[in-house]
Amino acid sequence: MIRVQLNKPEFEYDIHSLIRAFYPGVDVVMYQKNEPAPEGFELELWVEYGSDGTRLTLRDAKGQKLACDYRQKTGDSDRRSGKNLVKAMLYEMLSEYTGQKLPWGNLTGIRPTKIAMGLLEQGWKNTQIADYMRKTYYTSNEKTALAISIANRERDILKDIDYKNGYSLYVGIPFCPSICLYCSFSSSPLGVWKDRVDSYLDALEQEIRQCARIWRDRKLNSVYIGGGTPTTLEPYQMERLLRIIEECFDIAHAKEFTVEAGRPDSITEEKLEVLREHSIGRISINPQTMNDRTLEIIGRRHTVAQTLEAYQLARRMGFDNINMDLIVGLPGEEYPQVEHTMKEVTALAPDSITVHSLAVKRAARLNMFKEQYQEMTFVNNQEIMNMTQRMAMEAGLHPYYLYRQKNMAGNLENVGYAREGAAGLYNILMMEEKQSILALGAGASTKIVSGERIERIENVKDIRNYIERIDEMIARKARIMEMSQ
């Protein structure tokens, strides 16, 4: 355990995240100076904020000072500058002590491209942005170049989007055939809820109809039906959902309509036919890996053969914009296994591939029952990510969006690659937080963007609560949305 003592609550999240980046898998416990100190630690960091500056001191369990850093304050700096200063101090200290240099430096946020995008919009040149990111955040040359190239591509893709008067729609279907080992999303096994799916759709329909009226004067730019696994819905249920969306929203001018087909074991010809009848332009078929042994370990309950069958079926039925999601860092998978997956997937020639670095959150079974998986290896590194990038680009797919999460394997990133014209618009809008997102369904999070200010409206995650409290959630969302008009 590493314990961190602070003399006042400032930048705890960033300090905690940065320490975990250097010490993945190690518990980091934060406490205030006037609180009892946790016992059984291996390292201790003291963070002291004072009128004359900030001091960081690293000690071992015997109290021996291992490193100390002290910086003078530079005038009355704002909070962001103060945070950057503390993170720079901590990064330099831990980098020197451990001998490590992190690929993303001291960046603890999830959107590195947002920094580059903001500076591009201020008129900065690529070379100026690169110099700023390396000096301020200690990002590596490779990651700096990746972030800037993606920001430029995003900016081009978004050039015709009206952020102020437009919005995007997310509709959540929180059911899956089974729950994966690493999953912490708002999803539930279909077998438990099969008899209440229609009740869920009843509640969702209420939310769709009420919220659509409030933003009827705004222009809908993109629609994304996600989950969970939307294709756990029966064909008649999917037909009902799409019909309601079409009745309530003006989708005639939407630039993109995505349905996350997701699990290959949930895809049938009848379901795909419903999507075709409603002119769904983009779907996602997500194998995560093309190794059957790994699929069995993580609880996917489908085979590589089923992935191939689902993909080929979709192509035969005329779907010409198919994404495939992969995860790097799955249990037991190292370079050869990931390389095999990339070879299999790129041979199919999907229109886009999203490469995720495994991020295990507290709510995931892999974390809740981690003692059962102690013998497994979880490997991700720069060599593997370089290989996935090289193979994606050799297949004609280029990086178009990027984000990071807490507790990612290798402290790396998620990257979306797409052929020209197939970049996922909703993905970019959601990650860059430039446009309001109306999110409906259990666990959905609406974002109302007003300049630099972002207001979030969270729906309850529990399906039963969502159904029973739908009127309450609609009223709260309506009140806040109307105020934003």
Protein backbone atom coordinates (compact mmCIF):
# COMPACT_ATOMS: atom_id res chain seq x y z
CA MET A 1 0.00 0.00 0.00
CA ILE A 2 1.05 3.58 -0.67
CA ARG A 3 -0.44 6.17 1.66
CA VAL A 4 -0.69 9.84 0.82
CA GLN A 5 -1.04 12.51 3.50
CA LEU A 6 -2.37 15.93 2.47
CA ASN A 7 -2.56 18.99 4.68
CA LYS A 8 -5.64 20.16 2.73
CA PRO A 9 -7.89 18.59 0.09
CA GLU A 10 -6.43 19.71 -3.22
CA PHE A 11 -5.99 17.67 -6.43
CA GLU A 12 -6.54 14.32 -4.66
CA TYR A 13 -7.91 12.63 -7.78
CA ASP A 14 -4.95 13.64 -9.94
CA ILE A 15 -2.39 12.64 -7.31
CA HIS A 16 -4.09 9.28 -6.75
CA SER A 17 -4.34 8.55 -10.50
CA LEU A 18 -0.73 9.49 -11.21
CA ILE A 19 0.63 7.30 -8.42
CA ARG A 20 -1.48 4.38 -9.68
CA ALA A 21 -0.02 4.92 -13.15
CA PHE A 22 3.47 4.31 -11.73
CA TYR A 23 2.29 1.52 -9.39
CA PRO A 24 -0.53 -0.38 -11.17
CA GLY A 25 -2.37 -2.81 -8.92
CA VAL A 26 -1.09 -1.18 -5.71
CA ASP A 27 -3.62 0.31 -3.28
CA VAL A 28 -3.23 4.07 -2.86
CA VAL A 29 -4.91 5.47 0.26
CA MET A 30 -5.44 9.20 0.71
CA TYR A 31 -5.91 10.82 4.11
CA GLN A 32 -5.85 14.28 5.66
CA LYS A 33 -3.10 15.36 8.04
CA ASN A 34 -5.48 15.50 11.01
CA GLU A 35 -6.86 11.99 10.35
CA PRO A 36 -5.48 8.66 11.66
CA ALA A 37 -2.82 7.29 9.30
CA PRO A 38 -3.55 3.92 7.62
CA GLU A 39 -1.19 1.15 8.74
CA GLY A 40 0.77 -1.40 6.74
CA PHE A 41 2.17 0.89 4.05
CA GLU A 42 5.29 0.48 1.92
CA LEU A 43 5.66 4.07 0.72
CA GLU A 44 4.29 7.35 2.00
CA LEU A 45 3.93 10.65 0.20
CA TRP A 46 3.42 13.90 2.11
CA VAL A 47 1.80 16.72 0.18
CA GLU A 48 2.03 20.08 1.92
CA TYR A 49 0.45 23.17 0.42
CA GLY A 50 1.67 26.42 1.95
CA SER A 51 1.64 30.13 1.30
CA ASP A 52 5.30 29.96 0.24
CA GLY A 53 4.95 26.98 -2.07
CA THR A 54 4.19 23.26 -2.31
CA ARG A 55 6.39 20.51 -0.89
CA LEU A 56 6.26 16.81 -1.78
CA THR A 57 8.17 14.33 0.37
CA LEU A 58 8.49 10.59 -0.29
CA ARG A 59 9.37 8.26 2.62
CA ASP A 60 9.65 4.51 3.12
CA ALA A 61 7.98 2.49 5.89
CA LYS A 62 10.89 3.24 8.25
CA GLY A 63 10.44 6.98 7.80
CA GLN A 64 13.57 7.38 5.71
CA LYS A 65 13.29 10.26 3.24
CA LEU A 66 13.62 8.94 -0.31
CA ALA A 67 12.94 12.08 -2.30
CA CYS A 68 11.82 15.64 -1.74
CA ASP A 69 10.66 18.32 -4.16
CA TYR A 70 9.76 21.92 -3.40
CA ARG A 71 8.55 24.63 -5.74
CA GLN A 72 7.89 28.32 -5.24
CA LYS A 73 4.48 29.53 -6.27
CA THR A 74 4.51 31.75 -9.35
CA GLY A 75 2.27 34.62 -8.33
CA ASP A 76 -1.46 34.06 -7.95
CA SER A 77 -1.74 31.15 -10.35
CA ASP A 78 -5.19 29.77 -11.19
CA ARG A 79 -6.34 26.33 -10.14
CA ARG A 80 -5.41 24.68 -13.43
CA SER A 81 -1.87 26.05 -13.26
CA GLY A 82 -1.61 24.96 -9.64
CA LYS A 83 -2.73 21.45 -10.54
CA ASN A 84 -0.27 21.25 -13.44
CA LEU A 85 2.51 22.33 -11.10
CA VAL A 86 1.75 19.65 -8.51
CA LYS A 87 1.46 16.96 -11.18
CA ALA A 88 4.75 18.04 -12.73
CA MET A 89 6.47 17.84 -9.33
CA LEU A 90 5.02 14.42 -8.59
CA TYR A 91 5.82 13.05 -12.04
CA GLU A 92 9.44 14.17 -11.86
CA MET A 93 9.80 12.70 -8.36
CA LEU A 94 8.28 9.31 -9.16
CA SER A 95 9.98 9.10 -12.56
CA GLU A 96 13.38 9.64 -10.96
CA TYR A 97 12.66 7.29 -8.05
CA THR A 98 11.25 4.42 -10.17
CA GLY A 99 13.29 4.95 -13.31
CA GLN A 100 10.08 4.95 -15.37
CA LYS A 101 8.83 7.35 -18.01
CA LEU A 102 5.11 7.00 -18.71
CA PRO A 103 3.95 7.18 -22.35
CA TRP A 104 1.32 9.80 -21.52
CA GLY A 105 3.49 11.55 -18.93
CA ASN A 106 1.50 13.05 -16.07
CA LEU A 107 -1.80 13.22 -17.96
CA THR A 108 -4.49 11.74 -15.73
CA GLY A 109 -7.50 12.95 -17.74
CA ILE A 110 -9.18 10.73 -20.31
CA ARG A 111 -9.09 13.04 -23.33
CA PRO A 112 -5.54 13.96 -24.43
CA THR A 113 -6.86 15.06 -27.83
CA LYS A 114 -9.04 17.67 -26.13
CA ILE A 115 -5.87 19.56 -25.17
CA ALA A 116 -4.56 19.49 -28.72
CA MET A 117 -7.99 20.35 -30.18
CA GLY A 118 -8.38 23.37 -27.90
CA LEU A 119 -4.98 24.74 -28.91
CA LEU A 120 -5.67 24.15 -32.62
CA GLU A 121 -8.85 26.18 -32.29
CA GLN A 122 -6.81 28.98 -30.72
CA GLY A 123 -4.63 29.08 -33.83
CA TRP A 124 -1.60 27.18 -32.51
CA LYS A 125 0.60 25.30 -34.98
CA ASN A 126 1.21 21.57 -34.61
CA THR A 127 4.85 22.16 -33.65
CA GLN A 128 3.84 24.62 -30.91
CA ILE A 129 1.28 22.18 -29.51
CA ALA A 130 3.82 19.36 -29.50
CA ASP A 131 6.36 21.47 -27.61
CA TYR A 132 3.71 22.54 -25.07
CA MET A 133 2.46 18.99 -24.42
CA ARG A 134 5.93 17.56 -23.98
CA LYS A 135 7.04 20.32 -21.61
CA THR A 136 3.81 20.62 -19.62
CA TYR A 137 2.66 17.00 -19.45
CA TYR A 138 5.87 15.06 -20.22
CA THR A 139 4.12 13.12 -23.00
CA SER A 140 6.35 10.96 -25.17
CA ASN A 141 7.10 11.96 -28.75
CA GLU A 142 4.97 9.09 -30.06
CA LYS A 143 1.90 9.89 -27.96
CA THR A 144 2.21 13.61 -28.58
CA ALA A 145 2.23 13.01 -32.34
CA LEU A 146 -0.73 10.60 -32.05
CA ALA A 147 -2.84 13.08 -30.07
CA ILE A 148 -2.13 15.96 -32.46
CA SER A 149 -2.77 13.94 -35.62
CA ILE A 150 -6.10 12.70 -34.25
CA ALA A 151 -7.10 16.20 -33.12
CA ASN A 152 -6.51 17.48 -36.65
CA ARG A 153 -8.59 14.68 -38.13
CA GLU A 154 -11.38 15.21 -35.59
CA ARG A 155 -11.44 18.89 -36.36
CA ASP A 156 -11.91 18.17 -40.05
CA ILE A 157 -14.69 15.64 -39.39
CA LEU A 158 -16.53 18.08 -37.09
CA LYS A 159 -16.13 21.18 -39.27
CA ASP A 160 -19.81 21.24 -40.33
CA ILE A 161 -21.32 20.44 -36.92
CA ASP A 162 -23.37 23.15 -35.20
CA TYR A 163 -22.40 22.61 -31.56
CA LYS A 164 -24.82 25.15 -30.12
CA ASN A 165 -28.02 24.23 -31.96
CA GLY A 166 -27.29 20.59 -32.63
CA TYR A 167 -27.20 17.54 -30.39
CA SER A 168 -26.67 13.79 -30.44
CA LEU A 169 -28.92 11.04 -29.09
CA TYR A 170 -27.86 7.97 -27.10
CA VAL A 171 -30.33 5.19 -26.28
CA GLY A 172 -29.21 2.48 -23.86
CA ILE A 173 -30.32 -1.17 -23.90
CA PRO A 174 -28.85 -2.63 -20.67
CA PHE A 175 -29.09 -6.35 -21.46
CA CYS A 176 -26.38 -8.81 -22.52
CA PRO A 177 -26.34 -12.56 -23.27
CA SER A 178 -23.84 -12.89 -20.39
CA ILE A 179 -21.71 -10.52 -18.32
CA CYS A 180 -18.03 -10.38 -19.28
CA LEU A 181 -15.34 -10.75 -16.66
CA TYR A 182 -14.07 -7.18 -17.08
CA CYS A 183 -17.43 -5.44 -17.52
CA SER A 184 -18.65 -2.67 -15.20
CA PHE A 185 -21.26 -1.13 -17.51
CA SER A 186 -24.94 -0.85 -16.69
CA SER A 187 -25.78 -4.22 -18.19
CA SER A 188 -27.60 -7.30 -16.90
CA PRO A 189 -27.86 -10.90 -18.16
CA LEU A 190 -30.85 -11.24 -20.46
CA GLY A 191 -31.87 -14.54 -18.87
CA VAL A 192 -32.70 -12.76 -15.60
CA TRP A 193 -34.71 -9.96 -17.26
CA LYS A 194 -36.22 -11.66 -20.31
CA ASP A 195 -39.79 -11.32 -18.98
CA ARG A 196 -39.34 -7.60 -18.24
CA VAL A 197 -37.73 -6.37 -21.44
CA ASP A 198 -41.06 -5.10 -22.71
CA SER A 199 -41.64 -3.29 -19.41
CA TYR A 200 -38.24 -1.66 -19.84
CA LEU A 201 -39.19 -0.57 -23.36
CA ASP A 202 -42.45 0.87 -21.99
CA ALA A 203 -40.47 3.08 -19.61
CA LEU A 204 -37.92 3.95 -22.29
CA GLU A 205 -40.71 4.96 -24.67
CA GLN A 206 -42.05 7.39 -22.08
CA GLU A 207 -38.61 8.96 -21.71
CA ILE A 208 -38.10 9.14 -25.49
CA ARG A 209 -41.45 10.82 -26.15
CA GLN A 210 -41.17 13.36 -23.34
CA CYS A 211 -37.55 14.38 -23.95
CA ALA A 212 -37.93 14.57 -27.73
CA ARG A 213 -40.52 17.33 -27.32
CA ILE A 214 -38.17 19.52 -25.29
CA TRP A 215 -35.35 19.61 -27.87
CA ARG A 216 -37.59 19.45 -30.97
CA ASP A 217 -36.18 22.77 -32.25
CA ARG A 218 -32.59 21.52 -32.15
CA LYS A 219 -30.96 19.64 -35.01
CA LEU A 220 -30.15 15.98 -34.40
CA ASN A 221 -26.64 15.17 -35.71
CA SER A 222 -26.10 11.55 -34.70
CA VAL A 223 -27.90 8.63 -33.05
CA TYR A 224 -26.24 5.79 -31.15
CA ILE A 225 -28.06 2.78 -29.69
CA GLY A 226 -25.69 1.10 -27.26
CA GLY A 227 -25.67 -0.92 -24.08
CA GLY A 228 -25.32 -3.62 -23.00
CA THR A 229 -26.10 -5.34 -26.24
CA PRO A 230 -29.01 -3.81 -28.20
CA THR A 231 -29.34 -6.92 -30.36
CA THR A 232 -30.47 -8.92 -27.33
CA LEU A 233 -33.85 -7.38 -28.23
CA GLU A 234 -36.13 -9.64 -30.23
CA PRO A 235 -36.87 -8.46 -33.79
CA TYR A 236 -40.31 -7.13 -32.81
CA GLN A 237 -38.78 -5.25 -29.88
CA MET A 238 -36.06 -3.70 -32.05
CA GLU A 239 -38.73 -2.77 -34.60
CA ARG A 240 -40.74 -1.07 -31.86
CA LEU A 241 -37.73 0.88 -30.55
CA LEU A 242 -36.64 2.13 -33.98
CA ARG A 243 -40.19 3.09 -34.92
CA ILE A 244 -40.58 5.16 -31.72
CA ILE A 245 -37.26 6.95 -32.35
CA GLU A 246 -38.29 7.75 -35.92
CA GLU A 247 -41.70 9.03 -34.77
CA CYS A 248 -40.27 11.28 -32.06
CA PHE A 249 -37.05 12.62 -33.59
CA ASP A 250 -36.30 14.22 -36.93
CA ILE A 251 -33.57 11.89 -38.13
CA ALA A 252 -33.78 12.93 -41.77
CA HIS A 253 -30.67 15.09 -41.49
CA ALA A 254 -28.73 12.97 -38.99
CA LYS A 255 -25.26 12.31 -40.34
CA GLU A 256 -24.97 8.93 -38.60
CA PHE A 257 -27.20 6.25 -37.04
CA THR A 258 -25.31 3.49 -35.23
CA VAL A 259 -26.67 0.35 -33.60
CA GLU A 260 -24.14 -1.57 -31.54
CA ALA A 261 -24.87 -5.14 -32.55
CA GLY A 262 -22.02 -6.06 -30.24
CA ARG A 263 -22.08 -9.71 -29.30
CA PRO A 264 -21.96 -12.07 -32.30
CA ASP A 265 -24.13 -14.59 -30.39
CA SER A 266 -26.98 -12.05 -30.33
CA ILE A 267 -27.04 -11.40 -34.09
CA THR A 268 -29.59 -13.07 -36.35
CA GLU A 269 -30.71 -12.49 -39.92
CA GLU A 270 -34.15 -11.38 -38.67
CA LYS A 271 -32.64 -8.71 -36.40
CA LEU A 272 -30.31 -7.42 -39.11
CA GLU A 273 -33.27 -7.28 -41.49
CA VAL A 274 -35.07 -4.97 -39.07
CA LEU A 275 -32.01 -2.69 -39.00
CA ARG A 276 -31.85 -2.66 -42.80
CA GLU A 277 -35.56 -1.80 -43.06
CA HIS A 278 -34.92 1.25 -40.87
CA SER A 279 -31.86 2.32 -42.90
CA ILE A 280 -29.36 1.91 -40.06
CA GLY A 281 -26.08 2.98 -41.64
CA ARG A 282 -23.50 1.80 -39.11
CA ILE A 283 -23.28 -1.28 -36.87
CA SER A 284 -20.65 -2.67 -34.55
CA ILE A 285 -19.81 -6.38 -34.31
CA ASN A 286 -17.42 -6.79 -31.39
CA PRO A 287 -15.29 -9.93 -31.03
CA GLN A 288 -12.90 -8.38 -28.42
CA THR A 289 -10.50 -11.22 -29.29
CA MET A 290 -10.20 -13.87 -31.99
CA ASN A 291 -8.92 -16.50 -29.57
CA ASP A 292 -11.52 -19.03 -28.38
CA ARG A 293 -9.68 -19.81 -25.14
CA THR A 294 -9.76 -16.16 -24.10
CA LEU A 295 -13.44 -15.84 -25.01
CA GLU A 296 -14.16 -18.75 -22.67
CA ILE A 297 -12.14 -17.20 -19.82
CA ILE A 298 -13.81 -13.79 -20.04
CA GLY A 299 -17.33 -15.22 -20.26
CA ARG A 300 -18.23 -14.12 -23.78
CA ARG A 301 -20.03 -17.42 -24.55
CA HIS A 302 -19.51 -17.16 -28.27
CA THR A 303 -16.82 -18.51 -30.56
CA VAL A 304 -14.54 -17.03 -33.17
CA ALA A 305 -16.55 -18.95 -35.77
CA GLN A 306 -19.72 -17.14 -34.64
CA THR A 307 -17.95 -13.79 -35.06
CA LEU A 308 -17.00 -14.70 -38.61
CA GLU A 309 -20.53 -15.89 -39.39
CA ALA A 310 -22.15 -12.73 -37.98
CA TYR A 311 -19.77 -10.47 -39.88
CA GLN A 312 -20.20 -12.31 -43.18
CA LEU A 313 -23.99 -12.32 -42.74
CA ALA A 314 -24.02 -8.55 -42.21
CA ARG A 315 -21.89 -7.99 -45.32
CA ARG A 316 -24.16 -10.23 -47.42
CA MET A 317 -27.16 -8.22 -46.24
CA GLY A 318 -25.59 -4.99 -47.46
CA PHE A 319 -24.12 -3.37 -44.34
CA ASP A 320 -21.24 -1.25 -45.63
CA ASN A 321 -20.08 0.45 -42.42
CA ILE A 322 -19.11 -2.14 -39.81
CA ASN A 323 -16.95 -1.45 -36.74
CA MET A 324 -15.21 -4.16 -34.70
CA ASP A 325 -14.08 -3.63 -31.08
CA LEU A 326 -10.98 -5.35 -29.69
CA ILE A 327 -9.45 -5.38 -26.20
CA VAL A 328 -5.72 -5.55 -25.49
CA GLY A 329 -4.63 -6.79 -22.07
CA LEU A 330 -7.14 -9.63 -21.68
CA PRO A 331 -6.13 -12.47 -19.32
CA GLY A 332 -3.47 -14.72 -20.78
CA GLU A 333 -3.01 -12.71 -23.98
CA GLU A 334 0.38 -11.35 -24.96
CA TYR A 335 1.89 -10.11 -28.22
CA PRO A 336 1.33 -13.33 -30.28
CA GLN A 337 -2.35 -13.62 -29.29
CA VAL A 338 -3.09 -9.96 -30.04
CA GLU A 339 -1.21 -10.19 -33.34
CA HIS A 340 -3.34 -13.23 -34.28
CA THR A 341 -6.52 -11.26 -33.49
CA MET A 342 -5.38 -8.32 -35.61
CA LYS A 343 -4.55 -10.61 -38.55
CA GLU A 344 -7.96 -12.29 -38.36
CA VAL A 345 -9.89 -9.03 -38.02
CA THR A 346 -8.04 -7.02 -40.67
CA ALA A 347 -8.49 -9.94 -43.10
CA LEU A 348 -12.24 -9.30 -42.84
CA ALA A 349 -11.70 -5.68 -43.96
CA PRO A 350 -14.03 -3.93 -41.47
CA ASP A 351 -14.65 -0.23 -42.02
CA SER A 352 -13.34 0.66 -38.58
CA ILE A 353 -11.60 -1.02 -35.65
CA THR A 354 -11.53 0.26 -32.10
CA VAL A 355 -8.59 -1.01 -30.02
CA HIS A 356 -9.28 -0.76 -26.29
CA SER A 357 -6.71 -1.15 -23.53
CA LEU A 358 -8.26 -3.23 -20.77
CA ALA A 359 -9.48 -1.09 -17.89
CA VAL A 360 -10.75 -2.98 -14.85
CA LYS A 361 -13.08 -0.96 -12.65
CA ARG A 362 -14.23 -1.74 -9.15
CA ALA A 363 -17.62 -3.05 -10.28
CA ALA A 364 -16.11 -5.64 -12.63
CA ARG A 365 -16.08 -9.31 -11.58
CA LEU A 366 -12.38 -9.39 -12.46
CA ASN A 367 -11.77 -6.90 -9.66
CA MET A 368 -14.44 -8.05 -7.21
CA PHE A 369 -13.11 -11.63 -7.28
CA LYS A 370 -9.52 -10.88 -8.20
CA GLU A 371 -8.09 -13.60 -5.95
CA GLN A 372 -9.52 -16.16 -8.41
CA TYR A 373 -7.49 -14.67 -11.25
CA GLN A 374 -4.14 -14.04 -9.56
CA GLU A 375 -2.38 -16.64 -11.70
CA MET A 376 -3.42 -14.97 -14.95
CA THR A 377 -1.24 -12.49 -16.82
CA PHE A 378 -2.62 -9.16 -18.00
CA VAL A 379 -0.18 -7.74 -20.52
CA ASN A 380 -0.27 -4.54 -22.51
CA ASN A 381 2.69 -2.43 -23.55
CA GLN A 382 3.84 0.04 -26.14
CA GLU A 383 5.15 -2.72 -28.40
CA ILE A 384 1.68 -4.30 -28.61
CA MET A 385 -0.09 -0.98 -29.20
CA ASN A 386 2.44 -0.07 -31.90
CA MET A 387 1.71 -3.37 -33.59
CA THR A 388 -2.08 -2.80 -33.53
CA GLN A 389 -1.58 0.68 -34.99
CA ARG A 390 0.73 -0.57 -37.72
CA MET A 391 -1.60 -3.39 -38.75
CA ALA A 392 -4.68 -1.16 -38.71
CA MET A 393 -2.97 1.42 -40.91
CA GLU A 394 -1.66 -1.25 -43.29
CA ALA A 395 -5.32 -2.26 -43.68
CA GLY A 396 -6.19 1.29 -44.74
CA LEU A 397 -7.60 2.39 -41.39
CA HIS A 398 -6.31 5.59 -39.78
CA PRO A 399 -6.67 6.84 -36.18
CA TYR A 400 -9.61 9.22 -35.74
CA TYR A 401 -10.42 9.29 -32.02
CA LEU A 402 -8.68 8.50 -28.75
CA TYR A 403 -9.53 8.38 -25.08
CA ARG A 404 -8.15 6.99 -21.87
CA GLN A 405 -9.63 5.47 -18.71
CA LYS A 406 -8.51 4.92 -15.15
CA ASN A 407 -6.65 1.68 -14.41
CA MET A 408 -5.82 0.92 -18.03
CA ALA A 409 -3.38 -1.88 -18.74
CA GLY A 410 0.02 -0.38 -19.47
CA ASN A 411 -1.28 3.15 -18.76
CA LEU A 412 -2.05 3.37 -22.47
CA GLU A 413 -5.17 4.31 -24.45
CA ASN A 414 -8.15 3.37 -26.61
CA VAL A 415 -7.88 4.30 -30.29
CA GLY A 416 -10.46 4.19 -33.05
CA TYR A 417 -9.20 3.52 -36.60
CA ALA A 418 -11.38 4.00 -39.67
CA ARG A 419 -11.26 4.12 -43.43
CA GLU A 420 -11.99 7.45 -45.07
CA GLY A 421 -15.64 8.39 -44.56
CA ALA A 422 -16.30 5.74 -41.89
CA ALA A 423 -15.18 7.54 -38.71
CA GLY A 424 -17.72 7.27 -35.89
CA LEU A 425 -19.12 10.79 -35.49
CA TYR A 426 -20.90 10.04 -32.21
CA ASN A 427 -17.67 8.71 -30.68
CA ILE A 428 -15.87 11.98 -31.38
CA LEU A 429 -18.71 14.20 -30.20
CA MET A 430 -19.04 12.22 -26.97
CA MET A 431 -15.33 12.27 -26.16
CA GLU A 432 -14.55 15.86 -27.11
CA GLU A 433 -17.57 17.15 -25.14
CA LYS A 434 -18.28 19.90 -27.64
CA GLN A 435 -21.97 19.10 -28.11
CA SER A 436 -24.88 18.19 -25.86
CA ILE A 437 -25.75 14.49 -25.70
CA LEU A 438 -29.31 13.47 -24.83
CA ALA A 439 -28.93 10.04 -23.22
CA LEU A 440 -31.96 7.85 -22.50
CA GLY A 441 -32.32 4.53 -20.70
CA ALA A 442 -31.03 2.89 -17.53
CA GLY A 443 -27.59 4.18 -16.56
CA ALA A 444 -27.55 6.76 -19.36
CA SER A 445 -25.77 10.06 -18.69
CA THR A 446 -27.01 13.18 -20.47
CA LYS A 447 -24.44 15.94 -21.04
CA ILE A 448 -25.57 19.52 -21.58
CA VAL A 449 -22.72 21.57 -22.99
CA SER A 450 -22.85 25.34 -22.65
CA GLY A 451 -19.53 26.89 -23.58
CA GLU A 452 -16.95 25.62 -21.09
CA ARG A 453 -19.67 24.43 -18.70
CA ILE A 454 -20.95 20.84 -18.80
CA GLU A 455 -23.95 19.69 -16.77
CA ARG A 456 -24.63 15.98 -16.36
CA ILE A 457 -28.00 14.33 -15.71
CA GLU A 458 -27.65 10.71 -14.61
CA ASN A 459 -30.36 8.07 -14.92
CA VAL A 460 -30.40 5.33 -12.29
CA LYS A 461 -28.49 2.20 -13.33
CA ASP A 462 -30.71 -0.44 -11.77
CA ILE A 463 -33.28 -1.65 -14.32
CA ARG A 464 -36.05 -2.15 -11.78
CA ASN A 465 -35.49 1.32 -10.34
CA TYR A 466 -35.47 2.79 -13.82
CA ILE A 467 -38.85 1.25 -14.63
CA GLU A 468 -40.41 2.21 -11.30
CA ARG A 469 -38.97 5.75 -11.14
CA ILE A 470 -39.25 6.74 -14.80
CA ASP A 471 -41.64 9.64 -14.11
CA GLU A 472 -39.19 11.08 -11.58
CA MET A 473 -36.27 10.87 -14.00
CA ILE A 474 -38.24 12.38 -16.87
CA ALA A 475 -39.34 15.32 -14.68
CA ARG A 476 -35.79 16.01 -13.46
CA LYS A 477 -34.32 15.77 -16.94
CA ALA A 478 -37.09 17.94 -18.42
CA ARG A 479 -36.53 20.65 -15.84
CA ILE A 480 -32.80 20.90 -16.50
CA MET A 481 -33.11 20.56 -20.29
CA GLU A 482 -35.73 23.31 -20.47
CA MET A 483 -33.45 25.62 -18.50
CA SER A 484 -30.72 25.02 -21.08
CA GLN A 485 -32.88 26.21 -24.00
